N, C-alpha and C. Protein backbone atom coordinates (compact mmCIF):
# COMPACT_ATOMS: atom_id res chain seq x y z
N MET A 1 10.40 -22.33 -33.19
CA MET A 1 9.97 -22.54 -31.82
C MET A 1 10.65 -21.57 -30.86
N ARG A 2 11.94 -21.35 -31.09
CA ARG A 2 12.68 -20.43 -30.24
C ARG A 2 12.09 -19.02 -30.34
N LEU A 3 11.64 -18.61 -31.52
CA LEU A 3 11.03 -17.31 -31.72
C LEU A 3 9.75 -17.17 -30.89
N LEU A 4 8.93 -18.19 -30.83
CA LEU A 4 7.70 -18.16 -30.03
C LEU A 4 7.99 -18.05 -28.54
N ILE A 5 9.01 -18.74 -28.09
CA ILE A 5 9.38 -18.68 -26.67
C ILE A 5 9.87 -17.28 -26.32
N ASN A 6 10.74 -16.71 -27.18
CA ASN A 6 11.23 -15.35 -26.94
C ASN A 6 10.09 -14.34 -26.98
N LEU A 7 9.16 -14.52 -27.90
CA LEU A 7 8.00 -13.63 -28.00
C LEU A 7 7.13 -13.73 -26.74
N ALA A 8 6.90 -14.94 -26.26
CA ALA A 8 6.11 -15.15 -25.04
C ALA A 8 6.80 -14.50 -23.83
N ILE A 9 8.12 -14.63 -23.74
CA ILE A 9 8.87 -14.02 -22.63
C ILE A 9 8.77 -12.50 -22.72
N ALA A 10 8.91 -11.93 -23.91
CA ALA A 10 8.82 -10.48 -24.09
C ALA A 10 7.43 -9.97 -23.71
N ILE A 11 6.40 -10.69 -24.10
CA ILE A 11 5.03 -10.29 -23.76
C ILE A 11 4.81 -10.37 -22.26
N ALA A 12 5.30 -11.43 -21.63
CA ALA A 12 5.15 -11.58 -20.18
C ALA A 12 5.86 -10.44 -19.44
N ILE A 13 7.06 -10.10 -19.87
CA ILE A 13 7.80 -9.00 -19.23
C ILE A 13 7.06 -7.69 -19.42
N ALA A 14 6.54 -7.44 -20.63
CA ALA A 14 5.80 -6.20 -20.90
C ALA A 14 4.54 -6.10 -20.04
N VAL A 15 3.83 -7.21 -19.89
CA VAL A 15 2.61 -7.20 -19.08
C VAL A 15 2.95 -6.96 -17.62
N ILE A 16 3.96 -7.63 -17.10
CA ILE A 16 4.35 -7.47 -15.70
C ILE A 16 4.82 -6.03 -15.42
N VAL A 17 5.68 -5.50 -16.29
CA VAL A 17 6.17 -4.13 -16.10
C VAL A 17 5.04 -3.12 -16.26
N GLY A 18 4.16 -3.31 -17.24
CA GLY A 18 3.05 -2.39 -17.47
C GLY A 18 2.08 -2.35 -16.31
N PHE A 19 1.58 -3.51 -15.90
CA PHE A 19 0.64 -3.55 -14.79
C PHE A 19 1.31 -3.15 -13.47
N GLY A 20 2.55 -3.57 -13.29
CA GLY A 20 3.28 -3.23 -12.06
C GLY A 20 3.49 -1.74 -11.92
N SER A 21 3.90 -1.08 -13.01
CA SER A 21 4.12 0.38 -12.94
C SER A 21 2.80 1.12 -12.76
N ALA A 22 1.73 0.64 -13.40
CA ALA A 22 0.42 1.29 -13.22
C ALA A 22 -0.05 1.15 -11.77
N ALA A 23 0.10 -0.04 -11.19
CA ALA A 23 -0.30 -0.24 -9.79
C ALA A 23 0.54 0.62 -8.85
N LEU A 24 1.83 0.73 -9.13
CA LEU A 24 2.71 1.55 -8.30
C LEU A 24 2.30 3.02 -8.35
N VAL A 25 2.01 3.53 -9.52
CA VAL A 25 1.61 4.94 -9.66
C VAL A 25 0.27 5.19 -9.00
N LEU A 26 -0.68 4.27 -9.14
CA LEU A 26 -2.01 4.49 -8.59
C LEU A 26 -2.05 4.36 -7.07
N ASP A 27 -1.07 3.69 -6.47
CA ASP A 27 -1.04 3.56 -5.02
C ASP A 27 -0.39 4.76 -4.34
N ARG A 28 0.15 5.66 -5.10
CA ARG A 28 0.81 6.84 -4.55
C ARG A 28 -0.10 8.04 -4.68
N GLU A 29 0.34 9.15 -4.08
CA GLU A 29 -0.38 10.41 -4.23
C GLU A 29 -0.29 10.86 -5.68
N ARG A 30 -1.06 11.86 -6.01
CA ARG A 30 -0.95 12.44 -7.35
C ARG A 30 0.49 12.85 -7.60
N MET A 31 0.99 12.48 -8.73
CA MET A 31 2.42 12.69 -8.97
C MET A 31 2.73 13.91 -9.83
N PHE A 32 1.81 14.31 -10.69
CA PHE A 32 2.11 15.34 -11.66
C PHE A 32 1.33 16.62 -11.37
N GLY A 33 1.92 17.76 -11.67
CA GLY A 33 1.23 19.04 -11.54
C GLY A 33 1.15 19.58 -10.13
N ALA A 34 1.97 19.08 -9.20
CA ALA A 34 1.92 19.55 -7.82
C ALA A 34 2.53 20.94 -7.70
N VAL A 35 1.93 21.77 -6.85
CA VAL A 35 2.44 23.09 -6.52
C VAL A 35 2.66 23.09 -5.01
N THR A 36 3.89 23.37 -4.58
CA THR A 36 4.21 23.33 -3.16
C THR A 36 4.56 24.72 -2.65
N ARG A 37 3.95 25.09 -1.54
CA ARG A 37 4.24 26.34 -0.84
C ARG A 37 4.40 25.99 0.62
N GLY A 38 5.61 26.15 1.13
CA GLY A 38 5.89 25.76 2.51
C GLY A 38 5.64 24.27 2.67
N ALA A 39 4.89 23.90 3.69
CA ALA A 39 4.56 22.49 3.93
C ALA A 39 3.34 22.04 3.13
N TRP A 40 2.69 22.97 2.46
CA TRP A 40 1.42 22.70 1.78
C TRP A 40 1.64 22.36 0.31
N THR A 41 0.87 21.39 -0.20
CA THR A 41 0.94 20.99 -1.60
C THR A 41 -0.47 20.97 -2.17
N ALA A 42 -0.60 21.49 -3.39
CA ALA A 42 -1.89 21.49 -4.09
C ALA A 42 -1.67 20.95 -5.50
N TRP A 43 -2.74 20.42 -6.06
CA TRP A 43 -2.75 19.94 -7.44
C TRP A 43 -3.86 20.69 -8.16
N PRO A 44 -3.55 21.86 -8.74
CA PRO A 44 -4.59 22.72 -9.31
C PRO A 44 -5.37 22.08 -10.45
N ASP A 45 -4.79 21.16 -11.19
CA ASP A 45 -5.47 20.57 -12.34
C ASP A 45 -6.33 19.36 -11.99
N THR A 46 -6.32 18.92 -10.75
CA THR A 46 -7.01 17.69 -10.37
C THR A 46 -8.50 17.72 -10.71
N GLY A 47 -9.18 18.78 -10.45
CA GLY A 47 -10.62 18.84 -10.69
C GLY A 47 -10.99 19.39 -12.06
N SER A 48 -10.04 19.46 -12.96
CA SER A 48 -10.31 20.03 -14.28
C SER A 48 -10.17 18.98 -15.38
N ALA A 49 -10.51 19.38 -16.57
CA ALA A 49 -10.35 18.48 -17.73
C ALA A 49 -8.87 18.29 -18.07
N ASP A 50 -7.99 19.12 -17.51
CA ASP A 50 -6.56 19.03 -17.78
C ASP A 50 -5.84 18.04 -16.86
N ALA A 51 -6.56 17.33 -16.01
CA ALA A 51 -5.93 16.36 -15.09
C ALA A 51 -5.24 15.28 -15.91
N ASP A 52 -4.04 14.89 -15.45
CA ASP A 52 -3.30 13.85 -16.17
C ASP A 52 -4.01 12.51 -16.00
N PRO A 53 -3.76 11.55 -16.88
CA PRO A 53 -4.49 10.27 -16.82
C PRO A 53 -4.23 9.48 -15.53
N TYR A 54 -3.03 9.62 -14.95
CA TYR A 54 -2.75 8.90 -13.70
C TYR A 54 -3.59 9.46 -12.55
N THR A 55 -3.74 10.78 -12.49
CA THR A 55 -4.57 11.39 -11.46
C THR A 55 -6.02 10.98 -11.65
N ALA A 56 -6.50 11.00 -12.89
CA ALA A 56 -7.88 10.59 -13.16
C ALA A 56 -8.10 9.14 -12.74
N ALA A 57 -7.15 8.27 -13.02
CA ALA A 57 -7.27 6.86 -12.63
C ALA A 57 -7.23 6.70 -11.12
N MET A 58 -6.35 7.45 -10.43
CA MET A 58 -6.28 7.38 -8.97
C MET A 58 -7.57 7.86 -8.34
N LEU A 59 -8.16 8.94 -8.87
CA LEU A 59 -9.42 9.44 -8.34
C LEU A 59 -10.55 8.44 -8.57
N ALA A 60 -10.55 7.79 -9.72
CA ALA A 60 -11.57 6.77 -10.00
C ALA A 60 -11.42 5.59 -9.06
N ARG A 61 -10.18 5.21 -8.76
CA ARG A 61 -9.93 4.06 -7.88
C ARG A 61 -10.33 4.35 -6.43
N THR A 62 -10.03 5.58 -5.96
CA THR A 62 -10.30 5.90 -4.55
C THR A 62 -11.71 6.43 -4.33
N GLY A 63 -12.34 6.93 -5.38
CA GLY A 63 -13.67 7.51 -5.23
C GLY A 63 -13.66 8.94 -4.72
N GLU A 64 -12.48 9.52 -4.61
CA GLU A 64 -12.36 10.90 -4.14
C GLU A 64 -12.97 11.85 -5.16
N VAL A 65 -13.67 12.86 -4.68
CA VAL A 65 -14.26 13.86 -5.56
C VAL A 65 -13.54 15.19 -5.26
N PRO A 66 -12.64 15.61 -6.15
CA PRO A 66 -11.91 16.85 -5.90
C PRO A 66 -12.77 18.07 -6.19
N LEU A 67 -12.32 19.22 -5.70
CA LEU A 67 -12.99 20.47 -6.03
C LEU A 67 -12.82 20.72 -7.52
N GLY A 68 -13.88 21.18 -8.15
CA GLY A 68 -13.80 21.51 -9.56
C GLY A 68 -12.92 22.73 -9.78
N ALA A 69 -12.48 22.91 -11.02
CA ALA A 69 -11.55 23.99 -11.33
C ALA A 69 -12.11 25.36 -10.96
N GLY A 70 -13.40 25.58 -11.06
CA GLY A 70 -13.99 26.86 -10.72
C GLY A 70 -14.48 26.96 -9.29
N GLU A 71 -14.45 25.84 -8.55
CA GLU A 71 -14.98 25.82 -7.19
C GLU A 71 -13.98 26.24 -6.14
N GLY A 72 -12.75 25.80 -6.29
CA GLY A 72 -11.75 26.11 -5.29
C GLY A 72 -10.49 25.31 -5.47
N LEU A 73 -9.67 25.30 -4.44
CA LEU A 73 -8.38 24.65 -4.48
C LEU A 73 -8.10 24.06 -3.10
N ALA A 74 -7.56 22.86 -3.05
CA ALA A 74 -7.25 22.20 -1.77
C ALA A 74 -5.74 22.01 -1.64
N PHE A 75 -5.21 22.41 -0.49
CA PHE A 75 -3.80 22.20 -0.14
C PHE A 75 -3.75 21.14 0.95
N SER A 76 -2.80 20.23 0.88
CA SER A 76 -2.65 19.24 1.94
C SER A 76 -1.24 19.34 2.53
N ALA A 77 -1.13 18.94 3.80
CA ALA A 77 0.17 18.94 4.48
C ALA A 77 0.28 17.67 5.31
N ASP A 78 1.36 16.95 5.09
CA ASP A 78 1.68 15.75 5.86
C ASP A 78 2.85 15.99 6.79
N ALA A 79 3.48 17.17 6.66
CA ALA A 79 4.67 17.49 7.44
C ALA A 79 4.59 18.94 7.89
N ASP A 80 5.43 19.29 8.87
CA ASP A 80 5.49 20.68 9.32
C ASP A 80 6.48 21.45 8.43
N ASP A 81 6.70 22.72 8.74
CA ASP A 81 7.57 23.54 7.92
C ASP A 81 9.04 23.10 7.96
N GLN A 82 9.41 22.31 8.95
CA GLN A 82 10.78 21.79 9.04
C GLN A 82 10.93 20.48 8.28
N GLY A 83 9.82 19.95 7.75
CA GLY A 83 9.87 18.70 6.99
C GLY A 83 9.61 17.45 7.81
N SER A 84 9.34 17.60 9.11
CA SER A 84 9.04 16.44 9.96
C SER A 84 7.58 16.04 9.79
N ARG A 85 7.35 14.75 9.67
CA ARG A 85 6.00 14.22 9.47
C ARG A 85 5.09 14.63 10.63
N LEU A 86 3.84 15.03 10.32
CA LEU A 86 2.88 15.38 11.37
C LEU A 86 2.56 14.14 12.19
N ASN A 87 2.65 14.27 13.51
CA ASN A 87 2.50 13.14 14.41
C ASN A 87 1.48 13.50 15.49
N GLY A 88 0.53 12.61 15.74
CA GLY A 88 -0.53 12.87 16.70
C GLY A 88 -0.06 13.05 18.12
N GLY A 89 1.14 12.61 18.44
CA GLY A 89 1.67 12.78 19.79
C GLY A 89 2.28 14.15 20.03
N CYS A 90 2.38 14.97 19.00
CA CYS A 90 2.99 16.30 19.11
C CYS A 90 1.93 17.39 19.06
N THR A 91 2.34 18.59 19.45
CA THR A 91 1.47 19.77 19.38
C THR A 91 2.00 20.68 18.29
N TYR A 92 1.10 21.20 17.46
CA TYR A 92 1.46 22.07 16.35
C TYR A 92 0.70 23.38 16.44
N ARG A 93 1.31 24.42 15.88
CA ARG A 93 0.68 25.73 15.80
C ARG A 93 0.63 26.14 14.33
N ILE A 94 -0.57 26.44 13.84
CA ILE A 94 -0.75 26.89 12.47
C ILE A 94 -1.07 28.37 12.55
N THR A 95 -0.19 29.18 11.96
CA THR A 95 -0.35 30.63 12.09
C THR A 95 -0.24 31.30 10.73
N GLY A 96 -0.88 32.44 10.63
CA GLY A 96 -0.75 33.25 9.42
C GLY A 96 -2.08 33.68 8.87
N GLN A 97 -2.05 33.95 7.59
CA GLN A 97 -3.22 34.36 6.83
C GLN A 97 -3.44 33.31 5.76
N THR A 98 -4.62 33.29 5.20
CA THR A 98 -4.87 32.38 4.08
C THR A 98 -4.87 33.18 2.79
N PRO A 99 -4.63 32.51 1.68
CA PRO A 99 -4.75 33.19 0.38
C PRO A 99 -6.18 33.69 0.19
N PRO A 100 -6.40 34.58 -0.75
CA PRO A 100 -7.74 35.12 -0.95
C PRO A 100 -8.76 34.04 -1.30
N ALA A 101 -9.86 34.04 -0.58
CA ALA A 101 -10.94 33.08 -0.83
C ALA A 101 -12.19 33.60 -0.12
N ARG A 102 -13.32 33.27 -0.66
CA ARG A 102 -14.57 33.68 -0.02
C ARG A 102 -14.76 32.90 1.29
N LEU A 103 -14.35 31.65 1.29
CA LEU A 103 -14.45 30.79 2.47
C LEU A 103 -13.29 29.81 2.44
N TRP A 104 -12.73 29.48 3.60
CA TRP A 104 -11.73 28.43 3.67
C TRP A 104 -12.03 27.53 4.85
N THR A 105 -11.57 26.30 4.76
CA THR A 105 -11.69 25.33 5.86
C THR A 105 -10.33 24.69 6.10
N LEU A 106 -10.07 24.35 7.35
CA LEU A 106 -8.88 23.60 7.72
C LEU A 106 -9.38 22.35 8.45
N THR A 107 -9.09 21.18 7.86
CA THR A 107 -9.60 19.91 8.39
C THR A 107 -8.44 19.01 8.74
N VAL A 108 -8.60 18.22 9.81
CA VAL A 108 -7.58 17.26 10.20
C VAL A 108 -8.11 15.84 9.94
N TYR A 109 -7.28 15.02 9.29
CA TYR A 109 -7.61 13.63 8.97
C TYR A 109 -6.56 12.71 9.55
N ASP A 110 -6.93 11.46 9.84
CA ASP A 110 -5.93 10.50 10.28
C ASP A 110 -5.08 10.07 9.09
N GLY A 111 -4.10 9.21 9.33
CA GLY A 111 -3.19 8.79 8.28
C GLY A 111 -3.84 8.05 7.14
N ASP A 112 -5.03 7.50 7.36
CA ASP A 112 -5.74 6.78 6.31
C ASP A 112 -6.73 7.67 5.56
N GLY A 113 -6.79 8.95 5.93
CA GLY A 113 -7.68 9.89 5.24
C GLY A 113 -9.08 9.95 5.80
N HIS A 114 -9.27 9.50 7.04
CA HIS A 114 -10.60 9.54 7.66
C HIS A 114 -10.65 10.63 8.72
N LEU A 115 -11.84 11.20 8.91
CA LEU A 115 -12.03 12.14 10.01
C LEU A 115 -11.89 11.40 11.32
N MET A 116 -11.37 12.07 12.33
CA MET A 116 -11.15 11.44 13.63
C MET A 116 -12.28 11.78 14.59
N GLU A 117 -12.85 10.75 15.21
CA GLU A 117 -13.82 10.97 16.28
C GLU A 117 -13.08 11.56 17.47
N ASN A 118 -13.67 12.55 18.13
CA ASN A 118 -13.04 13.11 19.31
C ASN A 118 -14.10 13.68 20.23
N PRO A 119 -13.79 13.80 21.53
CA PRO A 119 -14.79 14.28 22.49
C PRO A 119 -15.29 15.69 22.19
N ALA A 120 -14.47 16.54 21.59
CA ALA A 120 -14.88 17.91 21.29
C ALA A 120 -15.78 17.96 20.05
N GLN A 121 -15.87 16.85 19.32
CA GLN A 121 -16.65 16.76 18.09
C GLN A 121 -16.29 17.88 17.11
N ARG A 122 -14.99 18.12 16.99
CA ARG A 122 -14.49 19.14 16.07
C ARG A 122 -13.40 18.52 15.21
N THR A 123 -13.57 18.61 13.90
CA THR A 123 -12.55 18.14 12.97
C THR A 123 -12.16 19.23 11.98
N VAL A 124 -12.82 20.39 12.07
CA VAL A 124 -12.59 21.43 11.08
C VAL A 124 -12.79 22.82 11.68
N PHE A 125 -12.05 23.78 11.16
CA PHE A 125 -12.30 25.19 11.41
C PHE A 125 -12.59 25.83 10.06
N HIS A 126 -13.46 26.83 10.05
CA HIS A 126 -13.65 27.57 8.81
C HIS A 126 -13.45 29.05 9.07
N SER A 127 -13.30 29.78 8.00
CA SER A 127 -12.91 31.19 8.09
C SER A 127 -13.91 32.05 8.83
N ARG A 128 -15.14 31.64 8.93
CA ARG A 128 -16.15 32.48 9.59
C ARG A 128 -16.24 32.24 11.09
N GLU A 129 -15.54 31.24 11.61
CA GLU A 129 -15.64 30.98 13.05
C GLU A 129 -14.30 31.08 13.78
N VAL A 130 -13.22 31.16 13.06
CA VAL A 130 -11.92 31.17 13.70
C VAL A 130 -11.68 32.51 14.40
N LEU A 131 -11.11 32.46 15.60
CA LEU A 131 -10.75 33.68 16.32
C LEU A 131 -9.50 34.27 15.68
N ARG A 132 -9.51 35.57 15.45
CA ARG A 132 -8.40 36.22 14.76
C ARG A 132 -7.70 37.23 15.66
N HIS A 133 -6.42 37.50 15.31
CA HIS A 133 -5.66 38.56 15.96
C HIS A 133 -6.09 39.91 15.36
N GLU A 134 -5.63 41.00 15.95
CA GLU A 134 -6.02 42.33 15.48
C GLU A 134 -5.63 42.57 14.02
N ASN A 135 -4.54 41.97 13.56
CA ASN A 135 -4.08 42.19 12.19
C ASN A 135 -4.77 41.25 11.18
N GLY A 136 -5.73 40.46 11.65
CA GLY A 136 -6.46 39.56 10.76
C GLY A 136 -5.88 38.16 10.66
N SER A 137 -4.70 37.96 11.21
CA SER A 137 -4.11 36.62 11.17
C SER A 137 -4.76 35.74 12.25
N PHE A 138 -4.46 34.48 12.22
CA PHE A 138 -5.02 33.55 13.18
C PHE A 138 -3.96 32.57 13.65
N THR A 139 -4.25 31.90 14.75
CA THR A 139 -3.42 30.82 15.26
C THR A 139 -4.35 29.68 15.63
N ILE A 140 -4.06 28.50 15.12
CA ILE A 140 -4.84 27.30 15.45
C ILE A 140 -3.89 26.27 16.01
N ALA A 141 -4.20 25.76 17.20
CA ALA A 141 -3.41 24.70 17.80
C ALA A 141 -3.98 23.35 17.36
N VAL A 142 -3.10 22.41 17.05
CA VAL A 142 -3.49 21.05 16.69
C VAL A 142 -2.76 20.13 17.65
N SER A 143 -3.53 19.44 18.52
CA SER A 143 -2.89 18.58 19.52
C SER A 143 -3.92 17.62 20.13
N ARG A 144 -3.40 16.67 20.91
CA ARG A 144 -4.25 15.72 21.63
C ARG A 144 -4.89 16.38 22.85
N SER A 145 -4.16 17.29 23.47
CA SER A 145 -4.68 17.93 24.68
C SER A 145 -5.31 19.28 24.34
N ALA A 146 -6.32 19.66 25.12
CA ALA A 146 -7.04 20.91 24.88
C ALA A 146 -6.10 22.11 24.97
N GLN A 147 -6.33 23.06 24.08
CA GLN A 147 -5.52 24.28 24.02
C GLN A 147 -6.47 25.48 24.06
N PRO A 148 -6.01 26.62 24.59
CA PRO A 148 -6.88 27.81 24.58
C PRO A 148 -7.01 28.37 23.17
N GLY A 149 -8.12 29.04 22.91
CA GLY A 149 -8.32 29.65 21.60
C GLY A 149 -8.77 28.63 20.57
N ASN A 150 -8.28 28.77 19.36
CA ASN A 150 -8.63 27.86 18.28
C ASN A 150 -7.87 26.54 18.46
N TRP A 151 -8.60 25.44 18.58
CA TRP A 151 -7.96 24.15 18.82
C TRP A 151 -8.62 23.07 17.98
N LEU A 152 -7.81 22.32 17.22
CA LEU A 152 -8.27 21.15 16.49
C LEU A 152 -7.73 19.92 17.21
N PRO A 153 -8.59 19.09 17.78
CA PRO A 153 -8.12 17.92 18.49
C PRO A 153 -7.68 16.79 17.55
N VAL A 154 -6.66 16.08 17.97
CA VAL A 154 -6.16 14.92 17.25
C VAL A 154 -6.27 13.74 18.20
N THR A 155 -6.83 12.64 17.74
CA THR A 155 -7.00 11.49 18.64
C THR A 155 -6.09 10.32 18.27
N THR A 156 -5.26 10.48 17.28
CA THR A 156 -4.35 9.41 16.90
C THR A 156 -2.96 9.66 17.47
N GLU A 157 -2.24 8.60 17.71
CA GLU A 157 -0.84 8.71 18.12
C GLU A 157 0.06 8.69 16.90
N ASP A 158 -0.51 8.33 15.76
CA ASP A 158 0.26 8.16 14.53
C ASP A 158 0.21 9.42 13.68
N ARG A 159 0.54 9.25 12.44
CA ARG A 159 0.56 10.37 11.50
C ARG A 159 -0.85 10.88 11.21
N PHE A 160 -0.91 12.13 10.81
CA PHE A 160 -2.18 12.72 10.39
C PHE A 160 -1.90 13.71 9.27
N ARG A 161 -2.97 14.21 8.67
CA ARG A 161 -2.87 15.12 7.53
C ARG A 161 -3.79 16.31 7.75
N LEU A 162 -3.34 17.47 7.31
CA LEU A 162 -4.15 18.68 7.33
C LEU A 162 -4.53 19.03 5.90
N ILE A 163 -5.79 19.42 5.69
CA ILE A 163 -6.26 19.85 4.38
C ILE A 163 -6.81 21.26 4.52
N LEU A 164 -6.27 22.18 3.75
CA LEU A 164 -6.73 23.57 3.70
C LEU A 164 -7.44 23.75 2.37
N ARG A 165 -8.75 23.95 2.43
CA ARG A 165 -9.54 24.13 1.21
C ARG A 165 -9.93 25.60 1.08
N LEU A 166 -9.68 26.14 -0.10
CA LEU A 166 -10.03 27.52 -0.41
C LEU A 166 -11.19 27.48 -1.40
N TYR A 167 -12.34 28.01 -1.01
CA TYR A 167 -13.53 28.01 -1.87
C TYR A 167 -13.70 29.37 -2.52
N ASP A 168 -14.12 29.34 -3.77
CA ASP A 168 -14.37 30.56 -4.53
C ASP A 168 -13.16 31.48 -4.44
N THR A 169 -12.04 30.98 -4.90
CA THR A 169 -10.78 31.70 -4.87
C THR A 169 -10.31 32.00 -6.28
N PRO A 170 -9.68 33.14 -6.49
CA PRO A 170 -9.15 33.41 -7.83
C PRO A 170 -8.05 32.43 -8.23
N LEU A 171 -7.45 31.75 -7.27
CA LEU A 171 -6.40 30.77 -7.57
C LEU A 171 -6.95 29.58 -8.34
N ALA A 172 -8.22 29.25 -8.13
CA ALA A 172 -8.81 28.10 -8.81
C ALA A 172 -9.08 28.39 -10.28
N GLY A 173 -9.18 29.62 -10.64
CA GLY A 173 -9.46 29.98 -12.02
C GLY A 173 -8.23 30.09 -12.88
N GLY A 174 -7.10 29.60 -12.41
CA GLY A 174 -5.88 29.63 -13.20
C GLY A 174 -4.97 30.79 -12.86
N ALA A 175 -5.29 31.56 -11.83
CA ALA A 175 -4.40 32.66 -11.43
C ALA A 175 -3.08 32.08 -10.92
N THR A 176 -2.09 32.88 -10.89
CA THR A 176 -0.77 32.43 -10.47
C THR A 176 -0.75 32.04 -9.01
N ILE A 177 -0.25 30.86 -8.73
CA ILE A 177 -0.15 30.38 -7.35
C ILE A 177 1.22 30.70 -6.78
N GLY A 178 2.15 31.06 -7.64
CA GLY A 178 3.54 31.24 -7.25
C GLY A 178 3.81 32.18 -6.09
N ALA A 179 3.07 33.26 -5.95
CA ALA A 179 3.39 34.27 -4.94
C ALA A 179 2.49 34.22 -3.71
N ILE A 180 1.64 33.21 -3.59
CA ILE A 180 0.72 33.18 -2.46
C ILE A 180 1.44 32.87 -1.16
N VAL A 181 0.84 33.31 -0.07
CA VAL A 181 1.37 33.03 1.26
C VAL A 181 0.38 32.09 1.95
N VAL A 182 0.89 30.99 2.47
CA VAL A 182 0.04 30.01 3.16
C VAL A 182 0.40 30.01 4.65
N PRO A 183 -0.48 29.53 5.50
CA PRO A 183 -0.18 29.49 6.93
C PRO A 183 1.03 28.59 7.23
N ALA A 184 1.79 28.98 8.24
CA ALA A 184 2.95 28.20 8.68
C ALA A 184 2.49 27.09 9.61
N ILE A 185 3.18 25.95 9.54
CA ILE A 185 2.91 24.83 10.46
C ILE A 185 4.17 24.62 11.29
N GLU A 186 4.05 24.93 12.58
CA GLU A 186 5.21 24.86 13.48
C GLU A 186 4.97 23.82 14.57
N ARG A 187 5.93 22.92 14.74
CA ARG A 187 5.83 21.97 15.85
C ARG A 187 6.26 22.68 17.12
N VAL A 188 5.34 22.68 18.11
CA VAL A 188 5.59 23.37 19.37
C VAL A 188 6.27 22.45 20.35
N GLY A 189 5.90 21.17 20.35
CA GLY A 189 6.53 20.23 21.26
C GLY A 189 5.99 18.83 21.11
N CYS A 190 6.78 17.89 21.60
CA CYS A 190 6.38 16.49 21.65
C CYS A 190 6.72 15.96 23.04
N PRO A 191 5.83 15.15 23.60
CA PRO A 191 6.14 14.61 24.93
C PRO A 191 7.30 13.65 24.91
């Protein structure tokens, strides 16, 4: 009888730890295969057959459809280059060049991953419409208040996320990501 009780306790502990750890992993961002450059993070294997089982399960749970391995690569940023969380009450400047790609987009999402309604009806910039400096670089302001030039409005007071998607890029085909240069995210000010 004692053996059955010990066996039942061991099974209960295994089930609790197994389901608990799976739930914990699936409630977090993708954990494996991340590549970080500055404030930006990408998961190159997410849209490929090489995606780890936890990423595949998280994508199935959320319904997110990542870019395929040959389509492109997406970088996300939740913080600025100093490591401070992106906050809707602050103003940010995104400057630089993008890695090689036929087309890129920069989109702003609220903390829950939804596009934000705003009076300017703008949630994204793409490479074909952004105003550039003479050297080909660009500057995009991200803030609640209107800014001159390229401006992405934010309507939340809370955290937000930036997603930089590179379409038809050699980086998606397995090229080395190690030496790429991504745009800088600088906090200009907070009220």
